[in-house]
Amino acid sequence: MNHDASAPAGDPAQILHDVLIVGGGLVGASLAIALQGQGLQVGLVEAAPPGALPAVFDERNLSFAEATVNALGALGVLQKLRAPAGAIRRIHISRRGDFGRSLLDAQRYGRDEFGRVVVARDFGDALEARLAELPQLLRYRPVRFVGLAEDDDGARAIRVADAGGERVLRARLLVAADGTRSGVREALGIAADEHDYGQTLFVTRLRAERAPDGTAYERLDEGGPTALLPRGDGHYGLVHGVLRERADAVSAMDEAAFLAHAQDAFGWRAGRFLACGARSAYPAQRVLAQRCTAARAVLVGNAAQTIHPIGAQGFNLGLRDALTLAELIAAARADDAAADCGGAGLLADYQRRRAQDRERTIAFSDGLARVTSNESPLLRPLRSLGLFAADRLPSAQAWLVGGAMGYRGDVPALCRGARA
């Protein structure tokens, strides 16, 4: 039964969830959808009340890799989008002050597109519409995670609170999908390694002289990326990185000054920047959990790894976390209908299967962010050579393209086009 915590069917403390997900954002909601149809008792703990979306569903532009498009289509989410998505048919990469550039074209690889651009708010609406169709999902909202409770034999217990006070929820498997500053990760005693890139990223909708033609641009310099993503509404999604010490000054700019600032960083490939919407600002940081599992608990998405948005890998990586977990649970239950979703063997398999994709994607994102923001003149010829190689060498292009489309390591079947 799909219900809110404010009107539970029975006493939630007496329910033993097979899987309890804390966090109803992009990855947590996607996991809840992926787990349906397996006969599981799944609970979703959400801070946002009914009728409201979590804060993460804002004006940010999400770049979905092909693997993500495949999976979300199989899960019935993309079909719920009410606004058109923008196709990414080409990826243009360059760095200010360096020679060379790399242009990746999907047609060279027998594809019409590398992926699609979706506004986070629109994606949130689509996820909500799909969640509303799940008859067995227990939704606890608005509810906040308070901490861990004393575990039962064979189950995790957590304390949550709403307007009526605290209660205890129990689960075979606890999933932390509660973001970069994960309260569940902290309660589990899992440390995280942090790095601040010293950059602030401004995000907005932008109208330019030339309408989007399917090309996604990534222009790099010491302040971070200035990216233009082709949206489906005739606008671009702009991500403009600046050094942290300049962020307040850029934030205080009026629209004309901000457009001129972003134009100077990006150049004129899209023509003159004409107008932009409201701006949001986010720090560029890397937060990596030192481990992704604990007894009857697993971290997914930004709770496991928050990475620099350069290359647009974050949500795609987090979704592959969720889909791998759902796939392992389905495989275990296919062998034994009473299989324990939080068993040590299953979590060990999860850690093993996610290792290569996680390590390679983090290394790619972090390495690109560090190398491209370093102004050392010694690095300029090396960067230019790298861009030249990426544009001319098939092996280098294939490596970039495979990562851009979401195919690193052991990829879940739904990402490869299997049906849910």
Protein backbone atom coordinates (compact mmCIF):
# COMPACT_ATOMS: atom_id res chain seq x y z
CA MET A 1 0.00 0.00 0.00
CA ASN A 2 1.35 3.41 -0.95
CA HIS A 3 0.90 5.61 2.10
CA ASP A 4 2.46 8.50 3.96
CA ALA A 5 3.89 8.27 7.44
CA SER A 6 1.23 10.72 8.57
CA ALA A 7 -1.40 8.05 7.87
CA PRO A 8 0.32 4.67 8.22
CA ALA A 9 -1.47 1.37 7.72
CA GLY A 10 -0.78 -0.27 11.07
CA ASP A 11 2.21 0.36 13.32
CA PRO A 12 5.36 0.99 11.23
CA ALA A 13 7.49 -0.30 14.12
CA GLN A 14 5.97 -3.75 13.56
CA ILE A 15 6.83 -3.77 9.84
CA LEU A 16 10.04 -5.51 8.87
CA HIS A 17 11.04 -3.88 5.60
CA ASP A 18 13.13 -5.91 3.22
CA VAL A 19 14.74 -2.64 2.06
CA LEU A 20 14.43 0.77 3.72
CA ILE A 21 15.75 3.71 1.68
CA VAL A 22 16.58 6.97 3.46
CA GLY A 23 16.43 9.80 0.93
CA GLY A 24 13.84 10.42 -1.77
CA GLY A 25 16.06 12.30 -4.22
CA LEU A 26 17.25 11.23 -7.65
CA VAL A 27 18.98 7.99 -6.65
CA GLY A 28 16.76 6.98 -3.72
CA ALA A 29 13.55 7.34 -5.74
CA SER A 30 15.09 5.51 -8.71
CA LEU A 31 16.10 2.62 -6.44
CA ALA A 32 12.59 2.37 -5.01
CA ILE A 33 11.23 2.08 -8.56
CA ALA A 34 13.86 -0.49 -9.58
CA LEU A 35 12.98 -2.73 -6.61
CA GLN A 36 9.31 -2.98 -7.47
CA GLY A 37 7.91 -6.21 -8.87
CA GLN A 38 10.15 -8.39 -6.69
CA GLY A 39 7.58 -8.98 -3.95
CA LEU A 40 9.62 -6.93 -1.47
CA GLN A 41 8.45 -4.76 1.40
CA VAL A 42 10.19 -1.49 0.45
CA GLY A 43 10.07 1.71 2.49
CA LEU A 44 11.14 5.19 1.37
CA VAL A 45 11.94 7.82 4.03
CA GLU A 46 11.51 11.31 2.57
CA ALA A 47 12.04 14.74 4.10
CA ALA A 48 9.75 16.51 1.64
CA PRO A 49 5.99 16.45 2.31
CA PRO A 50 3.47 15.14 -0.23
CA GLY A 51 3.05 17.59 -3.09
CA ALA A 52 6.57 19.01 -2.72
CA LEU A 53 9.80 17.92 -4.38
CA PRO A 54 13.15 17.60 -2.57
CA ALA A 55 15.44 20.62 -2.96
CA VAL A 56 17.69 18.69 -5.34
CA PHE A 57 14.98 18.89 -8.00
CA ASP A 58 15.72 22.47 -9.02
CA GLU A 59 16.82 24.23 -12.21
CA ARG A 60 20.01 22.23 -12.56
CA ASN A 61 20.43 20.42 -15.84
CA LEU A 62 21.10 16.69 -15.67
CA SER A 63 23.14 15.08 -18.42
CA PHE A 64 21.91 11.49 -18.78
CA ALA A 65 24.38 9.12 -20.39
CA GLU A 66 23.05 6.55 -22.87
CA ALA A 67 23.23 3.86 -20.16
CA THR A 68 21.07 6.04 -17.91
CA VAL A 69 18.57 6.74 -20.70
CA ASN A 70 18.25 3.00 -21.32
CA ALA A 71 17.65 2.24 -17.66
CA LEU A 72 15.19 5.04 -16.95
CA GLY A 73 13.24 4.11 -20.05
CA ALA A 74 13.04 0.48 -18.90
CA LEU A 75 11.83 1.64 -15.48
CA GLY A 76 9.04 3.71 -17.03
CA VAL A 77 10.39 7.05 -15.79
CA LEU A 78 11.38 8.83 -19.00
CA GLN A 79 7.90 8.24 -20.37
CA LYS A 80 6.57 10.43 -17.54
CA LEU A 81 8.57 13.49 -18.60
CA ARG A 82 6.22 16.30 -19.57
CA ALA A 83 8.95 18.57 -20.99
CA PRO A 84 11.12 17.52 -23.94
CA ALA A 85 14.63 16.29 -23.26
CA GLY A 86 17.55 17.59 -25.29
CA ALA A 87 19.57 15.08 -27.31
CA ILE A 88 23.39 15.18 -26.99
CA ARG A 89 24.67 14.27 -30.45
CA ARG A 90 28.12 15.81 -30.21
CA ILE A 91 30.49 16.68 -27.36
CA HIS A 92 32.96 19.53 -27.90
CA ILE A 93 35.83 19.82 -25.38
CA SER A 94 38.40 22.61 -25.28
CA ARG A 95 40.50 24.56 -22.81
CA ARG A 96 40.98 28.29 -22.74
CA GLY A 97 44.58 29.22 -23.59
CA ASP A 98 45.52 25.76 -24.89
CA PHE A 99 45.78 24.55 -28.47
CA GLY A 100 43.59 21.78 -29.77
CA ARG A 101 40.12 20.56 -29.06
CA SER A 102 38.24 17.28 -29.11
CA LEU A 103 34.96 16.71 -30.93
CA LEU A 104 33.06 13.48 -30.31
CA ASP A 105 30.23 12.69 -32.74
CA ALA A 106 27.67 9.99 -31.95
CA GLN A 107 27.21 9.13 -35.64
CA ARG A 108 30.81 7.94 -35.80
CA TYR A 109 29.79 5.24 -33.32
CA GLY A 110 26.59 4.20 -35.03
CA ARG A 111 24.36 6.11 -32.62
CA ASP A 112 21.98 9.00 -32.94
CA GLU A 113 22.96 10.45 -29.55
CA PHE A 114 25.29 10.01 -26.58
CA GLY A 115 22.57 10.84 -24.07
CA ARG A 116 20.01 13.47 -23.15
CA VAL A 117 19.70 16.63 -21.06
CA VAL A 118 16.82 16.80 -18.57
CA VAL A 119 16.00 19.63 -16.15
CA ALA A 120 16.16 18.30 -12.58
CA ARG A 121 12.74 19.73 -11.71
CA ASP A 122 11.15 17.94 -14.67
CA PHE A 123 12.89 14.71 -13.71
CA GLY A 124 11.59 15.07 -10.16
CA ASP A 125 8.03 15.37 -11.46
CA ALA A 126 8.52 12.25 -13.61
CA LEU A 127 9.90 10.25 -10.69
CA GLU A 128 6.99 11.34 -8.51
CA ALA A 129 4.47 10.29 -11.16
CA ARG A 130 6.13 6.87 -11.41
CA LEU A 131 6.35 6.43 -7.62
CA ALA A 132 2.62 7.12 -7.35
CA GLU A 133 2.00 4.02 -9.49
CA LEU A 134 3.76 1.63 -7.10
CA PRO A 135 1.09 -0.05 -4.99
CA GLN A 136 3.42 -1.79 -2.52
CA LEU A 137 5.75 1.10 -1.71
CA LEU A 138 5.56 2.48 1.85
CA ARG A 139 6.38 6.19 1.79
CA TYR A 140 7.24 7.86 5.08
CA ARG A 141 6.95 11.61 4.54
CA PRO A 142 7.63 14.19 5.74
CA VAL A 143 10.02 12.30 7.98
CA ARG A 144 13.65 12.94 8.91
CA PHE A 145 16.32 10.46 9.91
CA VAL A 146 17.38 10.92 13.55
CA GLY A 147 19.83 8.09 14.14
CA LEU A 148 20.28 4.39 14.63
CA ALA A 149 18.33 2.38 17.18
CA GLU A 150 19.27 -0.89 18.83
CA ASP A 151 19.33 -3.54 16.11
CA ASP A 152 17.12 -6.59 16.23
CA ASP A 153 18.52 -9.96 15.32
CA GLY A 154 18.74 -9.95 11.54
CA ALA A 155 17.55 -6.38 11.06
CA ARG A 156 18.68 -2.77 11.21
CA ALA A 157 16.63 -0.35 13.29
CA ILE A 158 16.60 3.42 12.77
CA ARG A 159 14.98 6.33 14.55
CA VAL A 160 12.97 8.78 12.49
CA ALA A 161 10.85 11.77 13.47
CA ASP A 162 7.84 13.63 12.13
CA ALA A 163 5.37 16.12 13.57
CA GLY A 164 4.05 13.43 15.91
CA GLY A 165 7.42 12.61 17.43
CA GLU A 166 9.94 9.80 17.04
CA ARG A 167 9.36 6.25 15.87
CA VAL A 168 11.51 3.24 15.00
CA LEU A 169 11.63 1.58 11.58
CA ARG A 170 13.22 -1.81 10.95
CA ALA A 171 14.75 -3.32 7.81
CA ARG A 172 16.79 -6.23 6.55
CA LEU A 173 18.77 -3.71 4.49
CA LEU A 174 19.21 0.00 5.18
CA VAL A 175 20.12 2.13 2.15
CA ALA A 176 21.67 5.56 2.62
CA ALA A 177 20.60 7.74 -0.32
CA ASP A 178 20.55 10.95 1.70
CA GLY A 179 23.16 12.96 -0.16
CA THR A 180 26.62 14.40 0.32
CA ARG A 181 26.16 15.22 4.02
CA SER A 182 24.62 11.83 4.72
CA GLY A 183 23.31 11.49 8.25
CA VAL A 184 23.06 7.74 7.80
CA ARG A 185 26.71 7.49 6.72
CA GLU A 186 27.74 9.46 9.79
CA ALA A 187 25.56 7.35 12.12
CA LEU A 188 27.11 4.17 10.70
CA GLY A 189 30.55 5.52 11.59
CA ILE A 190 31.78 5.55 8.00
CA ALA A 191 34.36 8.28 7.47
CA ALA A 192 34.62 10.29 4.26
CA ASP A 193 37.61 11.86 2.54
CA GLU A 194 36.95 15.40 1.35
CA HIS A 195 38.60 17.71 -1.14
CA ASP A 196 37.51 21.26 -1.95
CA TYR A 197 38.43 22.28 -5.50
CA GLY A 198 38.20 25.97 -4.59
CA GLN A 199 35.59 26.55 -7.29
CA THR A 200 31.98 27.70 -7.26
CA LEU A 201 29.64 26.57 -10.02
CA PHE A 202 26.83 28.83 -11.22
CA VAL A 203 23.90 27.08 -12.87
CA THR A 204 21.16 28.68 -14.96
CA ARG A 205 19.07 28.46 -18.12
CA LEU A 206 20.59 30.45 -20.96
CA ARG A 207 19.36 31.72 -24.32
CA ALA A 208 21.99 32.28 -26.98
CA GLU A 209 22.05 33.73 -30.48
CA ARG A 210 22.36 30.23 -31.94
CA ALA A 211 19.81 27.67 -30.81
CA PRO A 212 21.09 24.29 -29.54
CA ASP A 213 21.90 21.85 -32.35
CA GLY A 214 22.67 18.80 -30.23
CA THR A 215 26.22 19.83 -29.30
CA ALA A 216 27.25 19.81 -25.63
CA TYR A 217 30.18 22.13 -25.01
CA GLU A 218 32.72 21.84 -22.21
CA ARG A 219 35.12 24.80 -22.04
CA LEU A 220 37.76 24.46 -19.32
CA ASP A 221 39.99 26.89 -17.44
CA GLU A 222 41.41 27.50 -13.97
CA GLY A 223 38.03 28.49 -12.54
CA GLY A 224 36.47 25.22 -13.62
CA PRO A 225 34.23 24.23 -16.54
CA THR A 226 31.93 26.48 -18.49
CA ALA A 227 29.51 24.02 -20.04
CA LEU A 228 26.58 24.56 -22.38
CA LEU A 229 24.13 21.66 -22.49
CA PRO A 230 21.46 21.46 -25.23
CA ARG A 231 18.05 21.45 -23.53
CA GLY A 232 14.87 20.38 -25.25
CA ASP A 233 13.16 23.77 -24.90
CA GLY A 234 15.47 25.73 -27.20
CA HIS A 235 17.64 27.01 -24.33
CA TYR A 236 21.00 25.87 -23.04
CA GLY A 237 21.76 24.68 -19.56
CA LEU A 238 24.76 26.71 -18.42
CA VAL A 239 27.28 25.60 -15.80
CA HIS A 240 29.88 28.32 -15.19
CA GLY A 241 32.76 27.68 -12.80
CA VAL A 242 34.71 30.45 -11.09
CA LEU A 243 37.43 30.50 -8.47
CA ARG A 244 35.93 30.61 -4.98
CA GLU A 245 37.47 34.00 -4.15
CA ARG A 246 35.59 35.53 -7.11
CA ALA A 247 32.26 33.86 -6.40
CA ASP A 248 30.74 36.67 -4.33
CA ALA A 249 31.56 39.23 -7.00
CA VAL A 250 30.07 37.06 -9.76
CA SER A 251 26.99 36.38 -7.64
CA ALA A 252 26.44 40.11 -7.21
CA MET A 253 26.51 40.77 -10.97
CA ASP A 254 23.33 41.79 -12.75
CA GLU A 255 22.18 39.71 -15.72
CA ALA A 256 24.10 41.67 -18.34
CA ALA A 257 27.36 41.55 -16.40
CA PHE A 258 26.99 37.85 -15.65
CA LEU A 259 26.31 37.07 -19.31
CA ALA A 260 29.40 39.02 -20.33
CA HIS A 261 31.47 37.19 -17.71
CA ALA A 262 30.28 33.77 -18.88
CA GLN A 263 30.72 34.79 -22.53
CA ASP A 264 34.33 35.76 -21.89
CA ALA A 265 35.00 32.35 -20.33
CA PHE A 266 33.18 30.34 -22.97
CA GLY A 267 33.74 32.17 -26.24
CA TRP A 268 31.42 32.59 -29.22
CA ARG A 269 30.68 29.08 -30.52
CA ALA A 270 26.99 29.53 -29.64
CA GLY A 271 26.93 33.17 -30.67
CA ARG A 272 26.10 35.99 -28.26
CA PHE A 273 24.59 35.12 -24.89
CA LEU A 274 21.26 36.95 -24.81
CA ALA A 275 19.48 36.15 -21.55
CA CYS A 276 19.53 33.83 -18.57
CA GLY A 277 17.18 32.70 -15.82
CA ALA A 278 17.64 32.65 -12.06
CA ARG A 279 21.11 31.56 -10.98
CA SER A 280 22.05 28.99 -8.35
CA ALA A 281 25.55 28.44 -6.96
CA TYR A 282 27.17 25.26 -5.62
CA PRO A 283 30.67 24.47 -4.32
CA ALA A 284 32.74 22.04 -6.38
CA GLN A 285 33.87 19.33 -4.01
CA ARG A 286 34.72 15.67 -3.75
CA VAL A 287 33.42 13.64 -0.80
CA LEU A 288 34.25 9.93 -0.90
CA ALA A 289 33.06 7.44 1.70
CA GLN A 290 35.94 5.24 2.83
CA ARG A 291 33.69 2.22 2.41
CA CYS A 292 30.26 1.78 0.87
CA THR A 293 28.83 -0.99 3.05
CA ALA A 294 28.36 -1.84 6.71
CA ALA A 295 26.43 -4.59 8.45
CA ARG A 296 22.99 -4.60 6.78
CA ALA A 297 23.63 -1.17 5.27
CA VAL A 298 24.83 0.26 1.97
CA LEU A 299 25.60 3.75 0.67
CA VAL A 300 24.50 4.81 -2.81
CA GLY A 301 24.72 7.98 -4.90
CA ASN A 302 26.16 11.11 -3.31
CA ALA A 303 26.17 9.46 0.12
CA ALA A 304 28.82 7.10 -1.27
CA GLN A 305 30.61 9.54 -3.56
CA THR A 306 30.10 13.18 -4.47
CA ILE A 307 32.37 14.09 -7.37
CA HIS A 308 33.26 17.17 -9.39
CA PRO A 309 30.52 17.76 -11.98
CA ILE A 310 33.04 18.09 -14.79
CA GLY A 311 32.06 15.50 -17.41
CA ALA A 312 28.56 15.21 -15.85
CA GLN A 313 29.22 11.82 -14.24
CA GLY A 314 27.65 12.17 -10.76
CA PHE A 315 24.02 11.11 -11.12
CA ASN A 316 24.86 8.55 -13.79
CA LEU A 317 27.31 6.89 -11.38
CA GLY A 318 24.79 6.99 -8.53
CA LEU A 319 22.06 5.44 -10.64
CA ARG A 320 24.38 2.56 -11.52
CA ASP A 321 24.89 2.06 -7.76
CA ALA A 322 21.12 1.73 -7.30
CA LEU A 323 20.55 -0.50 -10.31
CA THR A 324 23.40 -2.86 -9.38
CA LEU A 325 21.95 -3.25 -5.89
CA ALA A 326 18.47 -3.95 -7.29
CA GLU A 327 19.91 -6.44 -9.77
CA LEU A 328 21.79 -8.34 -7.05
CA ILE A 329 18.69 -8.52 -4.87
CA ALA A 330 16.63 -9.81 -7.82
CA ALA A 331 19.24 -12.47 -8.62
CA ALA A 332 19.38 -13.62 -5.00
CA ARG A 333 15.60 -13.91 -4.80
CA ALA A 334 15.45 -15.78 -8.10
CA ASP A 335 17.55 -18.49 -6.45
CA ASP A 336 15.72 -18.30 -3.13
CA ALA A 337 12.45 -16.40 -2.69
CA ALA A 338 13.29 -15.87 0.99
CA ALA A 339 16.80 -14.55 0.32
CA ASP A 340 18.04 -11.96 2.82
CA CYS A 341 18.41 -8.56 1.11
CA GLY A 342 20.93 -7.45 3.70
CA GLY A 343 23.06 -10.58 3.83
CA ALA A 344 26.83 -10.22 4.07
CA GLY A 345 27.39 -12.16 0.85
CA LEU A 346 25.09 -9.89 -1.16
CA LEU A 347 26.77 -6.75 0.17
CA ALA A 348 30.21 -8.19 -0.60
CA ASP A 349 29.06 -8.85 -4.17
CA TYR A 350 27.78 -5.27 -4.38
CA GLN A 351 31.12 -3.85 -3.24
CA ARG A 352 32.98 -6.02 -5.73
CA ARG A 353 30.73 -5.18 -8.67
CA ARG A 354 30.79 -1.44 -8.06
CA ALA A 355 34.55 -1.15 -7.46
CA GLN A 356 35.81 -0.74 -11.03
CA ASP A 357 33.12 1.67 -12.23
CA ARG A 358 33.39 3.76 -9.07
CA GLU A 359 37.19 3.93 -9.10
CA ARG A 360 37.47 4.71 -12.82
CA THR A 361 34.75 7.37 -12.80
CA ILE A 362 36.14 9.09 -9.71
CA ALA A 363 39.66 9.04 -11.16
CA PHE A 364 38.43 10.46 -14.48
CA SER A 365 36.44 13.27 -12.84
CA ASP A 366 39.11 14.20 -10.31
CA GLY A 367 41.99 13.98 -12.76
CA LEU A 368 40.25 16.10 -15.37
CA ALA A 369 39.26 18.71 -12.78
CA ARG A 370 42.81 19.00 -11.41
CA VAL A 371 44.70 18.96 -14.70
CA THR A 372 42.47 21.41 -16.52
CA SER A 373 42.41 23.93 -13.66
CA ASN A 374 46.19 23.94 -13.23
CA GLU A 375 47.71 27.05 -14.83
CA SER A 376 51.28 25.73 -14.88
CA PRO A 377 52.80 26.50 -18.31
CA LEU A 378 54.48 23.08 -18.19
CA LEU A 379 51.08 21.41 -18.45
CA ARG A 380 49.84 23.38 -21.45
CA PRO A 381 51.61 21.35 -24.15
CA LEU A 382 50.59 18.11 -22.44
CA ARG A 383 46.94 19.19 -22.27
CA SER A 384 47.03 20.28 -25.90
CA LEU A 385 48.56 16.94 -26.87
CA GLY A 386 45.83 15.16 -24.90
CA LEU A 387 43.07 17.09 -26.67
CA PHE A 388 44.72 16.38 -30.02
CA ALA A 389 44.97 12.66 -29.21
CA ALA A 390 41.35 12.54 -28.04
CA ASP A 391 40.30 14.09 -31.35
CA ARG A 392 42.46 11.99 -33.67
CA LEU A 393 43.23 8.61 -32.04
CA PRO A 394 40.39 6.05 -32.23
CA SER A 395 41.50 4.30 -29.03
CA ALA A 396 41.48 7.57 -27.05
CA GLN A 397 38.10 8.57 -28.48
CA ALA A 398 36.63 5.14 -27.72
CA TRP A 399 37.75 5.43 -24.09
CA LEU A 400 36.17 8.86 -23.75
CA VAL A 401 32.98 7.84 -25.53
CA GLY A 402 32.52 4.68 -23.48
CA GLY A 403 32.76 6.68 -20.28
CA ALA A 404 30.52 9.46 -21.58
CA MET A 405 27.81 6.93 -22.40
CA GLY A 406 28.05 5.27 -18.96
CA TYR A 407 29.81 2.03 -19.85
CA ARG A 408 32.59 1.56 -17.31
CA GLY A 409 33.21 -1.69 -15.48
CA ASP A 410 30.38 -4.10 -14.64
CA VAL A 411 27.30 -2.24 -15.91
CA PRO A 412 23.78 -3.26 -14.80
CA ALA A 413 21.65 -5.04 -17.39
CA LEU A 414 19.06 -2.26 -17.56
CA CYS A 415 21.81 0.16 -18.61
CA ARG A 416 22.67 -2.14 -21.50
CA GLY A 417 19.10 -2.11 -22.80
CA ALA A 418 17.50 -5.05 -20.97
CA ARG A 419 13.84 -4.79 -20.04
CA ALA A 420 12.76 -4.33 -16.44
